C-alpha cells in the first residue's frame, strides 16, 4: 500500500483520506499479528507459558524504545501495547482451555 507524502496533500480531506488508509493498513497488520498470537498456543502448555511475564515486559519495553526512536510519545505506545498484550494473553488462555 502506498501513501502520499503529507507535504504533497492539498486539502484537509486529502490528509484525512491518507490517515484513513494508514489506519486501515495498521488494522490489517494487527490482523496478521493476531494469526501468530493464535498459532503460538501450539507451543504453550500452561498458564505460566502464556503469561510469560519476562517476555511481556521485554516486548512492551522494546515497543516503547521503538516509539521513542521515531519521536513518538513512548508512554502512549506503552499503554497501547500493554492493552494489546493483555488482550492477547486473555485470548491465548481461552485457546488453551479449548486445547485441553
N, C-alpha and C. Protein backbone atom coordinates (compact mmCIF):
# COMPACT_ATOMS: atom_id res chain seq x y z
N UNK A 1 0.85 -1.17 0.00
CA UNK A 1 0.00 0.00 0.00
C UNK A 1 0.90 1.24 0.00
N UNK A 2 0.60 2.15 -0.86
CA UNK A 2 1.39 3.38 -0.94
C UNK A 2 0.63 4.54 -0.33
N UNK A 3 1.39 5.41 0.30
CA UNK A 3 0.82 6.58 0.94
C UNK A 3 1.44 7.83 0.34
N UNK A 4 0.61 8.82 0.21
CA UNK A 4 1.07 10.12 -0.31
C UNK A 4 1.89 10.82 0.78
N UNK A 5 2.91 11.51 0.37
CA UNK A 5 3.70 12.31 1.30
C UNK A 5 2.79 13.39 1.89
N UNK A 6 2.78 13.57 3.21
CA UNK A 6 1.90 14.57 3.81
C UNK A 6 2.11 15.98 3.24
N UNK A 7 3.34 16.29 2.87
CA UNK A 7 3.62 17.62 2.32
C UNK A 7 3.00 17.82 0.94
N UNK A 8 2.63 16.73 0.28
CA UNK A 8 2.03 16.82 -1.05
C UNK A 8 0.50 16.84 -1.01
N UNK A 9 -0.08 16.69 0.17
CA UNK A 9 -1.54 16.75 0.30
C UNK A 9 -1.99 18.20 0.14
N UNK A 10 -3.09 18.38 -0.58
CA UNK A 10 -3.56 19.72 -0.92
C UNK A 10 -4.78 20.18 -0.11
N UNK A 11 -5.31 19.28 0.74
CA UNK A 11 -6.50 19.67 1.49
C UNK A 11 -6.61 18.84 2.77
N UNK A 12 -7.45 19.33 3.66
CA UNK A 12 -7.76 18.61 4.89
C UNK A 12 -8.32 17.24 4.57
N UNK A 13 -9.23 17.19 3.60
CA UNK A 13 -9.85 15.92 3.21
C UNK A 13 -8.82 14.93 2.69
N UNK A 14 -7.89 15.41 1.91
CA UNK A 14 -6.85 14.54 1.37
C UNK A 14 -5.97 13.97 2.49
N UNK A 15 -5.64 14.80 3.45
CA UNK A 15 -4.86 14.32 4.60
C UNK A 15 -5.66 13.28 5.38
N UNK A 16 -6.95 13.55 5.60
CA UNK A 16 -7.79 12.59 6.33
C UNK A 16 -7.90 11.27 5.58
N UNK A 17 -7.99 11.33 4.27
CA UNK A 17 -8.04 10.09 3.47
C UNK A 17 -6.76 9.28 3.64
N UNK A 18 -5.64 9.95 3.66
CA UNK A 18 -4.36 9.25 3.84
C UNK A 18 -4.27 8.64 5.25
N UNK A 19 -4.74 9.39 6.25
CA UNK A 19 -4.76 8.85 7.62
C UNK A 19 -5.64 7.62 7.67
N UNK A 20 -6.80 7.66 7.02
CA UNK A 20 -7.69 6.50 6.98
C UNK A 20 -7.01 5.31 6.32
N UNK A 21 -6.29 5.54 5.23
CA UNK A 21 -5.58 4.46 4.55
C UNK A 21 -4.52 3.85 5.47
N UNK A 22 -3.81 4.70 6.17
CA UNK A 22 -2.78 4.21 7.09
C UNK A 22 -3.43 3.41 8.22
N UNK A 23 -4.52 3.92 8.78
CA UNK A 23 -5.21 3.21 9.86
C UNK A 23 -5.72 1.85 9.39
N UNK A 24 -6.25 1.80 8.18
CA UNK A 24 -6.70 0.52 7.64
C UNK A 24 -5.52 -0.45 7.51
N UNK A 25 -4.41 0.06 7.06
CA UNK A 25 -3.21 -0.77 6.93
C UNK A 25 -2.74 -1.27 8.30
N UNK A 26 -2.80 -0.41 9.30
CA UNK A 26 -2.44 -0.81 10.67
C UNK A 26 -3.35 -1.94 11.14
N UNK A 27 -4.64 -1.84 10.87
CA UNK A 27 -5.59 -2.89 11.26
C UNK A 27 -5.26 -4.20 10.55
N UNK A 28 -4.93 -4.12 9.27
CA UNK A 28 -4.54 -5.33 8.54
C UNK A 28 -3.30 -5.96 9.17
N UNK A 29 -2.36 -5.16 9.58
CA UNK A 29 -1.16 -5.68 10.23
C UNK A 29 -1.50 -6.30 11.59
N UNK A 30 -2.40 -5.69 12.34
CA UNK A 30 -2.83 -6.28 13.60
C UNK A 30 -3.54 -7.62 13.37
N UNK A 31 -4.32 -7.71 12.31
CA UNK A 31 -4.98 -8.98 11.97
C UNK A 31 -3.94 -10.05 11.65
N UNK A 32 -2.91 -9.68 10.92
CA UNK A 32 -1.83 -10.61 10.61
C UNK A 32 -1.10 -11.02 11.89
N UNK A 33 -0.85 -10.07 12.76
CA UNK A 33 -0.20 -10.35 14.04
C UNK A 33 -1.04 -11.32 14.86
N UNK A 34 -2.35 -11.14 14.81
CA UNK A 34 -3.27 -11.98 15.57
C UNK A 34 -3.16 -13.45 15.17
N UNK A 35 -2.89 -13.72 13.91
CA UNK A 35 -2.71 -15.10 13.45
C UNK A 35 -1.55 -15.76 14.19
N UNK A 36 -0.50 -15.00 14.43
CA UNK A 36 0.65 -15.52 15.16
C UNK A 36 0.33 -15.73 16.63
N UNK A 37 -0.47 -14.85 17.19
CA UNK A 37 -0.90 -15.00 18.58
C UNK A 37 -1.67 -16.31 18.73
N UNK A 38 -2.54 -16.61 17.77
CA UNK A 38 -3.29 -17.86 17.83
C UNK A 38 -2.38 -19.07 17.62
N UNK A 39 -1.43 -18.95 16.73
CA UNK A 39 -0.53 -20.07 16.43
C UNK A 39 0.40 -20.39 17.58
N UNK A 40 0.76 -19.40 18.37
CA UNK A 40 1.74 -19.61 19.43
C UNK A 40 1.24 -20.55 20.51
N UNK A 41 -0.08 -20.67 20.64
CA UNK A 41 -0.66 -21.55 21.66
C UNK A 41 -0.25 -23.00 21.42
N UNK A 42 0.09 -23.35 20.20
CA UNK A 42 0.56 -24.72 19.92
C UNK A 42 1.81 -25.04 20.73
N UNK A 43 2.56 -24.02 21.11
CA UNK A 43 3.83 -24.21 21.80
C UNK A 43 3.77 -23.87 23.29
N UNK A 44 2.59 -23.55 23.76
CA UNK A 44 2.41 -23.20 25.17
C UNK A 44 1.44 -24.20 25.79
N UNK A 45 1.83 -24.74 26.94
CA UNK A 45 1.02 -25.81 27.53
C UNK A 45 0.41 -25.46 28.88
N UNK A 46 0.71 -24.28 29.39
CA UNK A 46 0.12 -23.91 30.68
C UNK A 46 0.02 -22.39 30.81
N UNK A 47 -0.64 -22.00 31.89
CA UNK A 47 -0.89 -20.58 32.16
C UNK A 47 0.41 -19.77 32.25
N UNK A 48 1.43 -20.33 32.90
CA UNK A 48 2.70 -19.60 33.06
C UNK A 48 3.36 -19.33 31.72
N UNK A 49 3.27 -20.28 30.81
CA UNK A 49 3.85 -20.09 29.47
C UNK A 49 3.11 -18.99 28.72
N UNK A 50 1.82 -18.90 28.94
CA UNK A 50 1.03 -17.87 28.26
C UNK A 50 1.31 -16.49 28.85
N UNK A 51 1.33 -16.41 30.16
CA UNK A 51 1.56 -15.11 30.80
C UNK A 51 2.98 -14.62 30.54
N UNK A 52 3.97 -15.47 30.70
CA UNK A 52 5.38 -15.17 30.39
C UNK A 52 5.75 -13.72 30.71
N UNK A 53 5.70 -13.40 31.99
CA UNK A 53 5.87 -12.01 32.43
C UNK A 53 7.16 -11.37 31.93
N UNK A 54 8.26 -12.10 31.93
CA UNK A 54 9.52 -11.53 31.44
C UNK A 54 9.41 -11.14 29.97
N UNK A 55 8.82 -12.03 29.17
CA UNK A 55 8.65 -11.74 27.74
C UNK A 55 7.71 -10.56 27.55
N UNK A 56 6.62 -10.54 28.31
CA UNK A 56 5.66 -9.44 28.22
C UNK A 56 6.35 -8.10 28.50
N UNK A 57 7.11 -8.05 29.59
CA UNK A 57 7.82 -6.82 29.94
C UNK A 57 8.81 -6.41 28.85
N UNK A 58 9.53 -7.39 28.32
CA UNK A 58 10.53 -7.11 27.28
C UNK A 58 9.87 -6.58 26.01
N UNK A 59 8.75 -7.18 25.62
CA UNK A 59 8.02 -6.75 24.42
C UNK A 59 7.57 -5.30 24.58
N UNK A 60 6.97 -5.00 25.71
CA UNK A 60 6.45 -3.65 25.93
C UNK A 60 7.58 -2.63 25.96
N UNK A 61 8.67 -2.97 26.62
CA UNK A 61 9.80 -2.03 26.68
C UNK A 61 10.44 -1.81 25.32
N UNK A 62 10.52 -2.87 24.51
CA UNK A 62 11.10 -2.72 23.18
C UNK A 62 10.22 -1.84 22.30
N UNK A 63 8.89 -2.03 22.38
CA UNK A 63 7.98 -1.19 21.60
C UNK A 63 8.07 0.26 22.06
N UNK A 64 8.24 0.44 23.34
CA UNK A 64 8.43 1.79 23.89
C UNK A 64 9.69 2.43 23.30
N UNK A 65 10.77 1.65 23.25
CA UNK A 65 12.03 2.13 22.69
C UNK A 65 11.86 2.47 21.21
N UNK A 66 11.15 1.61 20.46
CA UNK A 66 10.91 1.88 19.04
C UNK A 66 10.15 3.19 18.86
N UNK A 67 9.13 3.40 19.70
CA UNK A 67 8.34 4.63 19.61
C UNK A 67 9.22 5.85 19.87
N UNK A 68 10.02 5.77 20.92
CA UNK A 68 10.92 6.88 21.24
C UNK A 68 11.86 7.19 20.09
N UNK A 69 12.38 6.13 19.45
CA UNK A 69 13.35 6.33 18.36
C UNK A 69 12.72 7.01 17.15
N UNK A 70 11.39 6.95 17.05
CA UNK A 70 10.68 7.61 15.94
C UNK A 70 10.09 8.95 16.36
N UNK A 71 10.42 9.40 17.57
CA UNK A 71 9.94 10.69 18.04
C UNK A 71 8.49 10.67 18.49
N UNK A 72 7.98 9.49 18.81
CA UNK A 72 6.60 9.35 19.26
C UNK A 72 6.53 9.33 20.78
N UNK A 73 5.34 9.52 21.31
CA UNK A 73 5.14 9.51 22.75
C UNK A 73 5.22 8.07 23.25
N UNK A 74 6.32 7.73 23.89
CA UNK A 74 6.56 6.36 24.34
C UNK A 74 5.52 5.91 25.37
N UNK A 75 5.03 6.82 26.21
CA UNK A 75 4.02 6.46 27.20
C UNK A 75 2.74 5.96 26.53
N UNK A 76 2.36 6.61 25.45
CA UNK A 76 1.15 6.21 24.72
C UNK A 76 1.34 4.81 24.14
N UNK A 77 2.50 4.56 23.54
CA UNK A 77 2.72 3.26 22.93
C UNK A 77 2.89 2.16 23.97
N UNK A 78 3.40 2.51 25.13
CA UNK A 78 3.45 1.54 26.22
C UNK A 78 2.03 1.14 26.62
N UNK A 79 1.14 2.11 26.71
CA UNK A 79 -0.26 1.82 27.04
C UNK A 79 -0.92 0.97 25.96
N UNK A 80 -0.69 1.33 24.71
CA UNK A 80 -1.28 0.58 23.60
C UNK A 80 -0.82 -0.87 23.63
N UNK A 81 0.48 -1.08 23.77
CA UNK A 81 1.00 -2.44 23.74
C UNK A 81 0.68 -3.21 25.01
N UNK A 82 0.57 -2.53 26.13
CA UNK A 82 0.12 -3.22 27.35
C UNK A 82 -1.29 -3.75 27.14
N UNK A 83 -2.16 -2.93 26.61
CA UNK A 83 -3.53 -3.35 26.33
C UNK A 83 -3.55 -4.49 25.31
N UNK A 84 -2.77 -4.36 24.26
CA UNK A 84 -2.72 -5.38 23.22
C UNK A 84 -2.22 -6.71 23.77
N UNK A 85 -1.13 -6.68 24.52
CA UNK A 85 -0.57 -7.92 25.06
C UNK A 85 -1.53 -8.55 26.07
N UNK A 86 -2.16 -7.75 26.92
CA UNK A 86 -3.15 -8.29 27.86
C UNK A 86 -4.31 -8.95 27.12
N UNK A 87 -4.77 -8.32 26.07
CA UNK A 87 -5.83 -8.91 25.25
C UNK A 87 -5.37 -10.22 24.63
N UNK A 88 -4.14 -10.25 24.14
CA UNK A 88 -3.60 -11.48 23.56
C UNK A 88 -3.50 -12.58 24.60
N UNK A 89 -3.06 -12.24 25.80
CA UNK A 89 -2.97 -13.23 26.88
C UNK A 89 -4.34 -13.81 27.17
N UNK A 90 -5.35 -12.96 27.28
CA UNK A 90 -6.71 -13.44 27.53
C UNK A 90 -7.18 -14.37 26.42
N UNK A 91 -6.89 -14.01 25.19
CA UNK A 91 -7.29 -14.84 24.05
C UNK A 91 -6.53 -16.17 24.07
N UNK A 92 -5.25 -16.13 24.36
CA UNK A 92 -4.46 -17.36 24.44
C UNK A 92 -4.97 -18.27 25.54
N UNK A 93 -5.39 -17.70 26.67
CA UNK A 93 -5.93 -18.51 27.77
C UNK A 93 -7.20 -19.24 27.32
N UNK A 94 -8.04 -18.55 26.57
CA UNK A 94 -9.25 -19.19 26.05
C UNK A 94 -8.88 -20.32 25.08
N UNK A 95 -7.92 -20.08 24.22
CA UNK A 95 -7.49 -21.11 23.28
C UNK A 95 -6.87 -22.30 24.00
N UNK A 96 -6.14 -22.03 25.09
CA UNK A 96 -5.55 -23.12 25.87
C UNK A 96 -6.63 -23.98 26.49
N UNK A 97 -7.69 -23.36 27.00
CA UNK A 97 -8.82 -24.11 27.56
C UNK A 97 -9.43 -25.02 26.52
N UNK A 98 -9.60 -24.52 25.30
CA UNK A 98 -10.17 -25.31 24.21
C UNK A 98 -9.25 -26.45 23.81
N UNK A 99 -7.97 -26.24 23.95
CA UNK A 99 -6.96 -27.22 23.56
C UNK A 99 -6.99 -28.44 24.47
N UNK A 100 -7.33 -28.22 25.74
CA UNK A 100 -7.30 -29.31 26.73
C UNK A 100 -8.53 -30.17 26.67
